[in-house]
Amino acid sequence: MAFEQAAIKVEKGREFGDLRGAIEKALAADRIAKYLKELRSSGIRVRDFDAALAAGAIDRAAGERPGTARGLHEALAVSDQAQVREFYLSKVEEVDPALRAKFHKLYQYY
């Protein structure tokens, strides 16, 4: 039996969509290297979504104003925040294996 994500209704659709779009931009193939370099220089692990938001790494990689992603995240309900975090974590796992190898320390669990 395959894993199937439960469907949870998004409460704040506009903010959710804007934040999801910023994450997609930051993790796009043409920007992911910049984002990973940003995390490395800040000493942030790739799976630490809250630290990436706080440091503004997602904003810089996506070309957004500083604090945009964090403000959108704070405006969301807790269930929406959890869905965005899950989306982010799934996207960082889809990064090209060559880049993951290059930035292997960011992907380590310890």
Foldseek 3Di string as FASTA:
>chain_A
DDDDDDDDDFDDVVLLVVLLVLLCQCLPPVQVLVLLVVCVVVVAAQLPVVVCLVVQSSCVSNVHDRNSNVVSLVPGDPVSNVVSSVSNVVSVVVPDPVVCVVSVVSHDPD
